[in-house]
Amino acid sequence: MDNFTTKVEKTKAIYLNAYLKKSQIVSFLRRYSKSARLQEEFPIPRFSRVYGSMHLIDDLMACGSFLEFYHFPRVDETRLMNANFCKRDRLCQPCAIRRAYKQQRKFLDYLEQYPYLLDLDWYYIVTPVKHSFDEDILTVYERLNAVKRAVLHDVRKGRGFVGQFLGGMWSIEVTKTDNGWNVHLNWLIAAPHGLAMALKRVRNRRGQVSYQNEHMRLFLEKYADSQMHNVQKLDFSSPEEVRKALLEVLKYSLKFSSMAVYDVLYMNAAFYRKNLFGTFGLLRRLKLEDVELSGDDLPDEEFVRYLYRRVGVEYELIEREEWERVVTLS
């Protein structure tokens, strides 16, 4: 299977799987709105406010109804340009993946524009917080948010060990396991070479290995009543390692594929108007929070445009056009 076919088939599979998942979400929403029993059994905060929009269901189901690809034969590259993106990335896995991809591209372009950033030390840090099985998701979220606020405050004030961080990005990731809600912070941190980020190899009772820093341990003990964290120093001379670290920070906050429909809806409502991603310090000007999902930066090459339409649970090719040159796309 050639690269073009592989790319197209993989993308179609992602959108079809998401379509089936969103069909379940829509079916549940319709039944939930009319059933007092369901509302009592599965309470969803602010249900009418979050899910009462006339456009929500239409947007979710129209997303991916068309897939528009550009294929550049000379360089054997294929890019998805549009898919009627619903932009509801907390309910739509493809839009979450697309957002992460566009943010990743924007950050990598930023590194090329400002190469001095490559001379800094970069770290990927995971900071979970303690939680119990019966705790509500918002209780765990607020505990984690207190850690985030403390880090950003110390960076702004230049105070203490964390105050030496020059900037970076953060994201809150949420999963649900047999042990209840699992919420943790992912950080991508830029620091000067002089920062003493000495790492110690630690193995927990389950045999899991993490790399911890004493200054971070003391910071978390103070602000989170927790010492848990994992630090990884990144080699930014390796594009693959940069992409891998970015994926961890930028990936969708909710693990759609492993979550029940009710849990997805509950979390989306619980986190209504709450930020799950942000940048600070020298990355603040990047404005990664707001990226346009449609379109892409294109090579100045001849290309072939393919347009697929979803019919039932399959896609069919409805247009194929050859273009001589990419000029300017508005």
C-alpha atoms as a PDB file:
ATOM      1  CA  MET A   1       0.000   0.000   0.000  1.00  0.00           C
ATOM      2  CA  ASP A   2       1.537   3.357  -1.057  1.00  0.00           C
ATOM      3  CA  ASN A   3       1.895   6.371   1.261  1.00  0.00           C
ATOM      4  CA  PHE A   4      -1.120   8.177  -0.189  1.00  0.00           C
ATOM      5  CA  THR A   5      -3.451   5.199   0.237  1.00  0.00           C
ATOM      6  CA  THR A   6      -2.108   4.510   3.738  1.00  0.00           C
ATOM      7  CA  LYS A   7      -2.680   8.117   4.815  1.00  0.00           C
ATOM      8  CA  VAL A   8      -6.179   8.298   3.359  1.00  0.00           C
ATOM      9  CA  GLU A   9      -7.298   4.921   4.721  1.00  0.00           C
ATOM     10  CA  LYS A  10      -5.947   5.681   8.190  1.00  0.00           C
ATOM     11  CA  THR A  11      -7.674   9.076   8.248  1.00  0.00           C
ATOM     12  CA  LYS A  12     -10.958   7.635   7.030  1.00  0.00           C
ATOM     13  CA  ALA A  13     -10.814   4.980   9.765  1.00  0.00           C
ATOM     14  CA  ILE A  14     -10.271   7.637  12.452  1.00  0.00           C
ATOM     15  CA  TYR A  15     -13.271   9.670  11.263  1.00  0.00           C
ATOM     16  CA  LEU A  16     -15.539   6.648  10.859  1.00  0.00           C
ATOM     17  CA  ASN A  17     -14.709   5.353  14.342  1.00  0.00           C
ATOM     18  CA  ALA A  18     -15.358   8.843  15.736  1.00  0.00           C
ATOM     19  CA  TYR A  19     -18.635   9.030  13.814  1.00  0.00           C
ATOM     20  CA  LEU A  20     -19.826   5.831  15.500  1.00  0.00           C
ATOM     21  CA  LYS A  21     -18.735   7.123  18.921  1.00  0.00           C
ATOM     22  CA  LYS A  22     -20.462  10.470  18.359  1.00  0.00           C
ATOM     23  CA  SER A  23     -23.584   8.659  17.188  1.00  0.00           C
ATOM     24  CA  GLN A  24     -23.641   6.984  20.603  1.00  0.00           C
ATOM     25  CA  ILE A  25     -23.147  10.376  22.276  1.00  0.00           C
ATOM     26  CA  VAL A  26     -25.991  11.941  20.295  1.00  0.00           C
ATOM     27  CA  SER A  27     -28.303   8.996  20.997  1.00  0.00           C
ATOM     28  CA  PHE A  28     -27.553   9.253  24.713  1.00  0.00           C
ATOM     29  CA  LEU A  29     -28.127  13.024  24.723  1.00  0.00           C
ATOM     30  CA  ARG A  30     -31.518  12.665  23.067  1.00  0.00           C
ATOM     31  CA  ARG A  31     -32.651   9.954  25.473  1.00  0.00           C
ATOM     32  CA  TYR A  32     -31.184  11.784  28.472  1.00  0.00           C
ATOM     33  CA  SER A  33     -33.023  15.042  27.759  1.00  0.00           C
ATOM     34  CA  LYS A  34     -36.386  13.214  27.897  1.00  0.00           C
ATOM     35  CA  SER A  35     -35.757  10.767  30.755  1.00  0.00           C
ATOM     36  CA  ALA A  36     -36.005  11.762  34.414  1.00  0.00           C
ATOM     37  CA  ARG A  37     -34.738   8.299  35.340  1.00  0.00           C
ATOM     38  CA  LEU A  38     -31.533   8.728  33.327  1.00  0.00           C
ATOM     39  CA  GLN A  39     -31.004  12.211  34.742  1.00  0.00           C
ATOM     40  CA  GLU A  40     -31.302  10.855  38.275  1.00  0.00           C
ATOM     41  CA  GLU A  41     -29.080   7.848  37.601  1.00  0.00           C
ATOM     42  CA  PHE A  42     -26.427   9.732  35.621  1.00  0.00           C
ATOM     43  CA  PRO A  43     -26.289  13.336  36.852  1.00  0.00           C
ATOM     44  CA  ILE A  44     -24.552  15.732  34.449  1.00  0.00           C
ATOM     45  CA  PRO A  45     -23.796  19.246  35.774  1.00  0.00           C
ATOM     46  CA  ARG A  46     -25.205  22.202  33.810  1.00  0.00           C
ATOM     47  CA  PHE A  47     -26.714  19.811  31.261  1.00  0.00           C
ATOM     48  CA  SER A  48     -29.046  22.311  29.579  1.00  0.00           C
ATOM     49  CA  ARG A  49     -26.395  25.022  29.443  1.00  0.00           C
ATOM     50  CA  VAL A  50     -23.688  22.766  28.023  1.00  0.00           C
ATOM     51  CA  TYR A  51     -25.763  20.544  25.747  1.00  0.00           C
ATOM     52  CA  GLY A  52     -28.786  22.714  25.004  1.00  0.00           C
ATOM     53  CA  SER A  53     -27.313  24.328  21.885  1.00  0.00           C
ATOM     54  CA  MET A  54     -29.357  23.703  18.747  1.00  0.00           C
ATOM     55  CA  HIS A  55     -26.139  23.384  16.750  1.00  0.00           C
ATOM     56  CA  LEU A  56     -24.256  20.904  18.955  1.00  0.00           C
ATOM     57  CA  ILE A  57     -25.663  17.704  17.501  1.00  0.00           C
ATOM     58  CA  ASP A  58     -25.570  19.035  13.915  1.00  0.00           C
ATOM     59  CA  ASP A  59     -21.940  20.095  14.330  1.00  0.00           C
ATOM     60  CA  LEU A  60     -20.883  16.754  15.809  1.00  0.00           C
ATOM     61  CA  MET A  61     -22.547  14.660  13.128  1.00  0.00           C
ATOM     62  CA  ALA A  62     -21.494  16.861  10.181  1.00  0.00           C
ATOM     63  CA  CYS A  63     -17.823  16.756  11.240  1.00  0.00           C
ATOM     64  CA  GLY A  64     -16.002  14.484   8.804  1.00  0.00           C
ATOM     65  CA  SER A  65     -18.922  14.233   6.379  1.00  0.00           C
ATOM     66  CA  PHE A  66     -16.404  15.384   3.746  1.00  0.00           C
ATOM     67  CA  LEU A  67     -12.651  14.744   3.720  1.00  0.00           C
ATOM     68  CA  GLU A  68     -10.524  16.925   1.437  1.00  0.00           C
ATOM     69  CA  PHE A  69      -6.952  15.771   0.777  1.00  0.00           C
ATOM     70  CA  TYR A  70      -4.109  17.323  -1.191  1.00  0.00           C
ATOM     71  CA  HIS A  71      -1.530  14.856  -2.535  1.00  0.00           C
ATOM     72  CA  PHE A  72       1.859  16.100  -3.770  1.00  0.00           C
ATOM     73  CA  PRO A  73       3.185  13.322  -6.054  1.00  0.00           C
ATOM     74  CA  ARG A  74       6.763  14.576  -6.476  1.00  0.00           C
ATOM     75  CA  VAL A  75       7.472  14.592  -2.737  1.00  0.00           C
ATOM     76  CA  ASP A  76       4.933  11.802  -2.046  1.00  0.00           C
ATOM     77  CA  GLU A  77       3.182  13.785   0.668  1.00  0.00           C
ATOM     78  CA  THR A  78      -0.519  13.834   1.535  1.00  0.00           C
ATOM     79  CA  ARG A  79      -2.289  16.341   3.760  1.00  0.00           C
ATOM     80  CA  LEU A  80      -5.838  16.582   5.035  1.00  0.00           C
ATOM     81  CA  MET A  81      -7.041  20.118   4.338  1.00  0.00           C
ATOM     82  CA  ASN A  82     -10.625  20.090   5.571  1.00  0.00           C
ATOM     83  CA  ALA A  83     -13.158  17.778   7.145  1.00  0.00           C
ATOM     84  CA  ASN A  84     -16.040  20.051   8.156  1.00  0.00           C
ATOM     85  CA  PHE A  85     -14.316  20.298  11.538  1.00  0.00           C
ATOM     86  CA  CYS A  86     -16.834  20.718  14.371  1.00  0.00           C
ATOM     87  CA  LYS A  87     -14.057  22.177  16.607  1.00  0.00           C
ATOM     88  CA  ARG A  88     -15.635  20.547  19.674  1.00  0.00           C
ATOM     89  CA  ASP A  89     -12.415  18.796  20.590  1.00  0.00           C
ATOM     90  CA  ARG A  90     -13.591  17.664  24.023  1.00  0.00           C
ATOM     91  CA  LEU A  91     -16.276  15.555  22.384  1.00  0.00           C
ATOM     92  CA  CYS A  92     -14.645  14.864  19.021  1.00  0.00           C
ATOM     93  CA  GLN A  93     -11.432  12.845  18.893  1.00  0.00           C
ATOM     94  CA  PRO A  94     -10.477  13.778  15.292  1.00  0.00           C
ATOM     95  CA  CYS A  95     -10.773  17.507  16.089  1.00  0.00           C
ATOM     96  CA  ALA A  96      -8.619  16.973  19.182  1.00  0.00           C
ATOM     97  CA  ILE A  97      -6.014  15.171  17.075  1.00  0.00           C
ATOM     98  CA  ARG A  98      -6.200  17.905  14.425  1.00  0.00           C
ATOM     99  CA  ARG A  99      -5.766  20.656  16.999  1.00  0.00           C
ATOM    100  CA  ALA A 100      -2.710  18.903  18.463  1.00  0.00           C
ATOM    101  CA  TYR A 101      -1.246  18.502  14.964  1.00  0.00           C
ATOM    102  CA  LYS A 102      -1.706  22.191  14.108  1.00  0.00           C
ATOM    103  CA  GLN A 103      -0.248  23.248  17.475  1.00  0.00           C
ATOM    104  CA  GLN A 104       2.718  20.952  16.945  1.00  0.00           C
ATOM    105  CA  ARG A 105       3.380  22.393  13.502  1.00  0.00           C
ATOM    106  CA  LYS A 106       3.142  25.928  14.830  1.00  0.00           C
ATOM    107  CA  PHE A 107       5.610  25.194  17.634  1.00  0.00           C
ATOM    108  CA  LEU A 108       8.124  23.507  15.305  1.00  0.00           C
ATOM    109  CA  ASP A 109       7.926  26.506  12.939  1.00  0.00           C
ATOM    110  CA  TYR A 110       8.554  28.738  15.955  1.00  0.00           C
ATOM    111  CA  LEU A 111      11.730  26.803  16.772  1.00  0.00           C
ATOM    112  CA  GLU A 112      12.954  27.361  13.207  1.00  0.00           C
ATOM    113  CA  GLN A 113      12.147  31.069  13.427  1.00  0.00           C
ATOM    114  CA  TYR A 114      13.921  31.495  16.782  1.00  0.00           C
ATOM    115  CA  PRO A 115      16.822  28.991  16.778  1.00  0.00           C
ATOM    116  CA  TYR A 116      18.173  30.335  20.096  1.00  0.00           C
ATOM    117  CA  LEU A 117      15.405  28.284  21.744  1.00  0.00           C
ATOM    118  CA  LEU A 118      17.288  25.143  20.723  1.00  0.00           C
ATOM    119  CA  ASP A 119      20.196  26.242  22.939  1.00  0.00           C
ATOM    120  CA  LEU A 120      18.036  26.061  26.066  1.00  0.00           C
ATOM    121  CA  ASP A 121      17.460  22.951  28.164  1.00  0.00           C
ATOM    122  CA  TRP A 122      14.022  21.422  27.660  1.00  0.00           C
ATOM    123  CA  TYR A 123      12.216  19.084  30.011  1.00  0.00           C
ATOM    124  CA  TYR A 124       9.018  17.077  29.917  1.00  0.00           C
ATOM    125  CA  ILE A 125       7.514  16.838  33.405  1.00  0.00           C
ATOM    126  CA  VAL A 126       4.455  14.893  34.556  1.00  0.00           C
ATOM    127  CA  THR A 127       2.880  15.914  37.881  1.00  0.00           C
ATOM    128  CA  PRO A 128      -0.098  13.893  39.143  1.00  0.00           C
ATOM    129  CA  VAL A 129      -1.830  14.505  42.469  1.00  0.00           C
ATOM    130  CA  LYS A 130      -3.226  12.164  45.085  1.00  0.00           C
ATOM    131  CA  HIS A 131      -6.815  11.109  44.624  1.00  0.00           C
ATOM    132  CA  SER A 132      -9.180   8.494  45.953  1.00  0.00           C
ATOM    133  CA  PHE A 133     -11.706   6.304  44.166  1.00  0.00           C
ATOM    134  CA  ASP A 134     -14.791   8.169  45.388  1.00  0.00           C
ATOM    135  CA  GLU A 135     -13.556  11.739  44.792  1.00  0.00           C
ATOM    136  CA  ASP A 136     -15.397  13.910  42.285  1.00  0.00           C
ATOM    137  CA  ILE A 137     -13.452  14.919  39.181  1.00  0.00           C
ATOM    138  CA  LEU A 138     -13.654  18.635  40.037  1.00  0.00           C
ATOM    139  CA  THR A 139     -12.163  18.038  43.481  1.00  0.00           C
ATOM    140  CA  VAL A 140      -9.146  16.378  41.884  1.00  0.00           C
ATOM    141  CA  TYR A 141      -9.008  19.070  39.196  1.00  0.00           C
ATOM    142  CA  GLU A 142      -8.902  21.914  41.741  1.00  0.00           C
ATOM    143  CA  ARG A 143      -6.070  20.190  43.611  1.00  0.00           C
ATOM    144  CA  LEU A 144      -4.117  19.927  40.388  1.00  0.00           C
ATOM    145  CA  ASN A 145      -5.016  23.465  39.351  1.00  0.00           C
ATOM    146  CA  ALA A 146      -3.497  24.738  42.603  1.00  0.00           C
ATOM    147  CA  VAL A 147      -0.174  23.187  41.539  1.00  0.00           C
ATOM    148  CA  LYS A 148      -0.432  24.818  38.107  1.00  0.00           C
ATOM    149  CA  ARG A 149      -1.163  28.244  39.638  1.00  0.00           C
ATOM    150  CA  ALA A 150       1.762  27.873  42.042  1.00  0.00           C
ATOM    151  CA  VAL A 151       4.167  27.018  39.217  1.00  0.00           C
ATOM    152  CA  LEU A 152       3.014  29.919  37.018  1.00  0.00           C
ATOM    153  CA  HIS A 153       3.120  32.327  39.987  1.00  0.00           C
ATOM    154  CA  ASP A 154       6.698  31.395  40.861  1.00  0.00           C
ATOM    155  CA  VAL A 155       7.736  31.693  37.206  1.00  0.00           C
ATOM    156  CA  ARG A 156       6.224  35.191  36.973  1.00  0.00           C
ATOM    157  CA  LYS A 157       7.917  36.259  40.208  1.00  0.00           C
ATOM    158  CA  GLY A 158      11.202  34.508  39.420  1.00  0.00           C
ATOM    159  CA  ARG A 159      10.955  32.904  42.837  1.00  0.00           C
ATOM    160  CA  GLY A 160      12.728  29.764  43.980  1.00  0.00           C
ATOM    161  CA  PHE A 161      13.738  26.810  41.858  1.00  0.00           C
ATOM    162  CA  VAL A 162      10.621  26.848  39.653  1.00  0.00           C
ATOM    163  CA  GLY A 163      11.113  30.587  39.139  1.00  0.00           C
ATOM    164  CA  GLN A 164      14.126  29.757  36.963  1.00  0.00           C
ATOM    165  CA  PHE A 165      11.885  28.235  34.301  1.00  0.00           C
ATOM    166  CA  LEU A 166      11.873  30.512  31.239  1.00  0.00           C
ATOM    167  CA  GLY A 167       8.546  29.372  29.881  1.00  0.00           C
ATOM    168  CA  GLY A 168       6.741  26.492  28.286  1.00  0.00           C
ATOM    169  CA  MET A 169       3.330  24.907  27.923  1.00  0.00           C
ATOM    170  CA  TRP A 170       1.076  22.845  30.148  1.00  0.00           C
ATOM    171  CA  SER A 171      -1.925  20.593  29.670  1.00  0.00           C
ATOM    172  CA  ILE A 172      -4.293  18.768  31.980  1.00  0.00           C
ATOM    173  CA  GLU A 173      -4.976  15.164  31.011  1.00  0.00           C
ATOM    174  CA  VAL A 174      -7.913  13.166  32.349  1.00  0.00           C
ATOM    175  CA  THR A 175      -8.530   9.442  32.336  1.00  0.00           C
ATOM    176  CA  LYS A 176     -10.835   7.166  34.271  1.00  0.00           C
ATOM    177  CA  THR A 177      -9.682   3.784  35.551  1.00  0.00           C
ATOM    178  CA  ASP A 178     -10.883   1.211  38.059  1.00  0.00           C
ATOM    179  CA  ASN A 179      -9.311   3.448  40.700  1.00  0.00           C
ATOM    180  CA  GLY A 180     -11.454   6.435  39.749  1.00  0.00           C
ATOM    181  CA  TRP A 181     -10.533   9.680  38.019  1.00  0.00           C
ATOM    182  CA  ASN A 182      -6.874  10.120  37.165  1.00  0.00           C
ATOM    183  CA  VAL A 183      -5.938  13.737  36.486  1.00  0.00           C
ATOM    184  CA  HIS A 184      -2.392  14.963  35.920  1.00  0.00           C
ATOM    185  CA  LEU A 185      -0.431  17.863  34.482  1.00  0.00           C
ATOM    186  CA  ASN A 186       1.923  17.574  31.519  1.00  0.00           C
ATOM    187  CA  TRP A 187       4.598  20.263  31.251  1.00  0.00           C
ATOM    188  CA  LEU A 188       7.026  21.188  28.490  1.00  0.00           C
ATOM    189  CA  ILE A 189       9.576  23.426  30.192  1.00  0.00           C
ATOM    190  CA  ALA A 190      12.388  25.609  28.839  1.00  0.00           C
ATOM    191  CA  ALA A 191      15.193  26.310  31.295  1.00  0.00           C
ATOM    192  CA  PRO A 192      18.676  27.851  31.217  1.00  0.00           C
ATOM    193  CA  HIS A 193      21.671  25.532  31.103  1.00  0.00           C
ATOM    194  CA  GLY A 194      22.567  26.553  34.652  1.00  0.00           C
ATOM    195  CA  LEU A 195      19.441  25.015  36.156  1.00  0.00           C
ATOM    196  CA  ALA A 196      20.455  22.178  38.456  1.00  0.00           C
ATOM    197  CA  MET A 197      17.842  19.660  37.316  1.00  0.00           C
ATOM    198  CA  ALA A 198      19.613  16.643  38.780  1.00  0.00           C
ATOM    199  CA  LEU A 199      17.537  13.507  38.258  1.00  0.00           C
ATOM    200  CA  LYS A 200      17.273  10.498  40.542  1.00  0.00           C
ATOM    201  CA  ARG A 201      15.953   7.111  39.402  1.00  0.00           C
ATOM    202  CA  VAL A 202      13.072   5.988  41.632  1.00  0.00           C
ATOM    203  CA  ARG A 203      11.093   2.710  41.584  1.00  0.00           C
ATOM    204  CA  ASN A 204       7.683   2.571  43.256  1.00  0.00           C
ATOM    205  CA  ARG A 205       5.945  -0.381  44.911  1.00  0.00           C
ATOM    206  CA  ARG A 206       4.499  -1.494  41.570  1.00  0.00           C
ATOM    207  CA  GLY A 207       7.941  -1.617  40.010  1.00  0.00           C
ATOM    208  CA  GLN A 208       7.355   1.501  37.876  1.00  0.00           C
ATOM    209  CA  VAL A 209      10.429   3.660  37.312  1.00  0.00           C
ATOM    210  CA  SER A 210      10.381   7.465  37.295  1.00  0.00           C
ATOM    211  CA  TYR A 211      13.068  10.148  37.306  1.00  0.00           C
ATOM    212  CA  GLN A 212      12.630  12.741  40.013  1.00  0.00           C
ATOM    213  CA  ASN A 213      14.262  15.982  41.033  1.00  0.00           C
ATOM    214  CA  GLU A 214      14.668  16.966  44.676  1.00  0.00           C
ATOM    215  CA  HIS A 215      13.649  20.601  44.120  1.00  0.00           C
ATOM    216  CA  MET A 216      10.476  19.522  42.297  1.00  0.00           C
ATOM    217  CA  ARG A 217       9.736  17.003  45.050  1.00  0.00           C
ATOM    218  CA  LEU A 218       9.903  19.707  47.724  1.00  0.00           C
ATOM    219  CA  PHE A 219       7.814  22.096  45.613  1.00  0.00           C
ATOM    220  CA  LEU A 220       5.065  19.528  45.102  1.00  0.00           C
ATOM    221  CA  GLU A 221       5.136  18.499  48.728  1.00  0.00           C
ATOM    222  CA  LYS A 222       4.453  22.114  49.643  1.00  0.00           C
ATOM    223  CA  TYR A 223       1.690  22.863  47.140  1.00  0.00           C
ATOM    224  CA  ALA A 224       0.084  19.494  46.373  1.00  0.00           C
ATOM    225  CA  ASP A 225       0.627  17.360  49.456  1.00  0.00           C
ATOM    226  CA  SER A 226       2.301  15.005  47.000  1.00  0.00           C
ATOM    227  CA  GLN A 227       5.798  14.158  45.852  1.00  0.00           C
ATOM    228  CA  MET A 228       4.830  12.283  42.685  1.00  0.00           C
ATOM    229  CA  HIS A 229       6.369  13.442  39.432  1.00  0.00           C
ATOM    230  CA  ASN A 230       8.491  12.275  36.518  1.00  0.00           C
ATOM    231  CA  VAL A 231      11.094  14.400  34.711  1.00  0.00           C
ATOM    232  CA  GLN A 232      12.584  13.661  31.317  1.00  0.00           C
ATOM    233  CA  LYS A 233      15.302  15.803  29.764  1.00  0.00           C
ATOM    234  CA  LEU A 234      14.670  16.250  26.042  1.00  0.00           C
ATOM    235  CA  ASP A 235      17.141  16.216  23.191  1.00  0.00           C
ATOM    236  CA  PHE A 236      15.877  18.967  20.921  1.00  0.00           C
ATOM    237  CA  SER A 237      18.482  18.062  18.315  1.00  0.00           C
ATOM    238  CA  SER A 238      16.309  15.018  17.649  1.00  0.00           C
ATOM    239  CA  PRO A 239      13.137  16.069  15.789  1.00  0.00           C
ATOM    240  CA  GLU A 240      11.494  12.745  16.632  1.00  0.00           C
ATOM    241  CA  GLU A 241      11.971  13.263  20.382  1.00  0.00           C
ATOM    242  CA  VAL A 242      10.614  16.807  20.110  1.00  0.00           C
ATOM    243  CA  ARG A 243       7.497  15.534  18.323  1.00  0.00           C
ATOM    244  CA  LYS A 244       7.040  12.774  20.890  1.00  0.00           C
ATOM    245  CA  ALA A 245       7.230  15.220  23.813  1.00  0.00           C
ATOM    246  CA  LEU A 246       4.897  17.659  22.056  1.00  0.00           C
ATOM    247  CA  LEU A 247       2.389  14.889  21.459  1.00  0.00           C
ATOM    248  CA  GLU A 248       2.292  14.143  25.186  1.00  0.00           C
ATOM    249  CA  VAL A 249       1.553  17.777  26.045  1.00  0.00           C
ATOM    250  CA  LEU A 250      -0.717  18.662  23.120  1.00  0.00           C
ATOM    251  CA  LYS A 251      -2.721  15.465  22.762  1.00  0.00           C
ATOM    252  CA  TYR A 252      -6.413  15.465  23.547  1.00  0.00           C
ATOM    253  CA  SER A 253      -7.204  15.924  27.225  1.00  0.00           C
ATOM    254  CA  LEU A 254      -9.928  13.272  27.334  1.00  0.00           C
ATOM    255  CA  LYS A 255      -9.180   9.649  26.396  1.00  0.00           C
ATOM    256  CA  PHE A 256     -12.293   9.205  24.237  1.00  0.00           C
ATOM    257  CA  SER A 257     -11.611   5.681  23.005  1.00  0.00           C
ATOM    258  CA  SER A 258     -11.316   4.170  26.479  1.00  0.00           C
ATOM    259  CA  MET A 259     -14.180   6.081  28.120  1.00  0.00           C
ATOM    260  CA  ALA A 260     -17.881   5.329  28.372  1.00  0.00           C
ATOM    261  CA  VAL A 261     -20.245   7.803  26.681  1.00  0.00           C
ATOM    262  CA  TYR A 262     -21.572   9.073  30.013  1.00  0.00           C
ATOM    263  CA  ASP A 263     -18.034   9.725  31.329  1.00  0.00           C
ATOM    264  CA  VAL A 264     -17.158  11.753  28.213  1.00  0.00           C
ATOM    265  CA  LEU A 265     -20.317  13.852  28.573  1.00  0.00           C
ATOM    266  CA  TYR A 266     -19.854  14.268  32.314  1.00  0.00           C
ATOM    267  CA  MET A 267     -16.260  15.446  31.977  1.00  0.00           C
ATOM    268  CA  ASN A 268     -17.064  17.814  29.137  1.00  0.00           C
ATOM    269  CA  ALA A 269     -19.758  19.405  31.319  1.00  0.00           C
ATOM    270  CA  ALA A 270     -17.595  19.387  34.445  1.00  0.00           C
ATOM    271  CA  PHE A 271     -14.805  21.214  32.595  1.00  0.00           C
ATOM    272  CA  TYR A 272     -17.144  23.668  30.867  1.00  0.00           C
ATOM    273  CA  ARG A 273     -15.209  26.911  30.288  1.00  0.00           C
ATOM    274  CA  LYS A 274     -12.212  25.579  32.210  1.00  0.00           C
ATOM    275  CA  ASN A 275      -8.817  25.782  30.532  1.00  0.00           C
ATOM    276  CA  LEU A 276      -7.074  22.454  30.008  1.00  0.00           C
ATOM    277  CA  PHE A 277      -4.110  23.895  28.078  1.00  0.00           C
ATOM    278  CA  GLY A 278      -1.963  27.004  28.177  1.00  0.00           C
ATOM    279  CA  THR A 279       1.417  28.566  27.467  1.00  0.00           C
ATOM    280  CA  PHE A 280       3.536  30.876  29.598  1.00  0.00           C
ATOM    281  CA  GLY A 281       6.803  32.812  29.601  1.00  0.00           C
ATOM    282  CA  LEU A 282       8.684  32.821  26.325  1.00  0.00           C
ATOM    283  CA  LEU A 283       6.011  30.684  24.626  1.00  0.00           C
ATOM    284  CA  ARG A 284       3.083  32.934  25.513  1.00  0.00           C
ATOM    285  CA  ARG A 285       3.387  34.921  22.260  1.00  0.00           C
ATOM    286  CA  LEU A 286       2.814  31.719  20.288  1.00  0.00           C
ATOM    287  CA  LYS A 287      -0.911  31.748  21.111  1.00  0.00           C
ATOM    288  CA  LEU A 288      -1.174  27.985  20.723  1.00  0.00           C
ATOM    289  CA  GLU A 289      -4.555  28.043  22.427  1.00  0.00           C
ATOM    290  CA  ASP A 290      -6.127  29.393  19.231  1.00  0.00           C
ATOM    291  CA  VAL A 291      -5.278  27.557  16.035  1.00  0.00           C
ATOM    292  CA  GLU A 292      -7.342  27.288  12.861  1.00  0.00           C
ATOM    293  CA  LEU A 293      -8.118  23.642  12.099  1.00  0.00           C
ATOM    294  CA  SER A 294      -8.826  24.068   8.369  1.00  0.00           C
ATOM    295  CA  GLY A 295      -6.043  24.506   5.828  1.00  0.00           C
ATOM    296  CA  ASP A 296      -2.322  23.886   6.113  1.00  0.00           C
ATOM    297  CA  ASP A 297       1.041  25.240   5.015  1.00  0.00           C
ATOM    298  CA  LEU A 298       1.642  23.741   1.596  1.00  0.00           C
ATOM    299  CA  PRO A 299       4.764  23.074  -0.461  1.00  0.00           C
ATOM    300  CA  ASP A 300       4.972  24.944  -3.755  1.00  0.00           C
ATOM    301  CA  GLU A 301       4.337  21.800  -5.743  1.00  0.00           C
ATOM    302  CA  GLU A 302       1.905  20.354  -8.225  1.00  0.00           C
ATOM    303  CA  PHE A 303      -0.818  18.486  -6.372  1.00  0.00           C
ATOM    304  CA  VAL A 304      -3.942  16.420  -6.805  1.00  0.00           C
ATOM    305  CA  ARG A 305      -7.060  17.299  -4.822  1.00  0.00           C
ATOM    306  CA  TYR A 306      -9.264  14.453  -3.621  1.00  0.00           C
ATOM    307  CA  LEU A 307     -12.690  14.938  -2.066  1.00  0.00           C
ATOM    308  CA  TYR A 308     -14.410  12.085  -0.242  1.00  0.00           C
ATOM    309  CA  ARG A 309     -17.988  12.026   1.021  1.00  0.00           C
ATOM    310  CA  ARG A 310     -19.232   9.896   3.915  1.00  0.00           C
ATOM    311  CA  VAL A 311     -22.063   7.611   2.877  1.00  0.00           C
ATOM    312  CA  GLY A 312     -23.368   5.542   5.760  1.00  0.00           C
ATOM    313  CA  VAL A 313     -20.272   4.128   7.424  1.00  0.00           C
ATOM    314  CA  GLU A 314     -18.035   4.346   4.359  1.00  0.00           C
ATOM    315  CA  TYR A 315     -16.368   7.071   2.280  1.00  0.00           C
ATOM    316  CA  GLU A 316     -16.658   7.405  -1.486  1.00  0.00           C
ATOM    317  CA  LEU A 317     -14.482   9.497  -3.796  1.00  0.00           C
ATOM    318  CA  ILE A 318     -16.589  12.190  -5.472  1.00  0.00           C
ATOM    319  CA  GLU A 319     -13.968  14.574  -6.924  1.00  0.00           C
ATOM    320  CA  ARG A 320     -10.406  14.341  -8.211  1.00  0.00           C
ATOM    321  CA  GLU A 321      -8.696  17.469  -9.578  1.00  0.00           C
ATOM    322  CA  GLU A 322      -5.108  18.055 -10.709  1.00  0.00           C
ATOM    323  CA  TRP A 323      -3.575  21.436  -9.936  1.00  0.00           C
ATOM    324  CA  GLU A 324      -0.392  22.748 -11.498  1.00  0.00           C
ATOM    325  CA  ARG A 325       0.802  24.960  -8.684  1.00  0.00           C
ATOM    326  CA  VAL A 326      -0.038  26.112  -5.195  1.00  0.00           C
ATOM    327  CA  VAL A 327      -0.229  29.891  -5.475  1.00  0.00           C
ATOM    328  CA  THR A 328      -1.901  31.602  -2.522  1.00  0.00           C
ATOM    329  CA  LEU A 329      -4.672  30.152  -0.412  1.00  0.00           C
ATOM    330  CA  SER A 330      -6.716  32.733   1.480  1.00  0.00           C
END
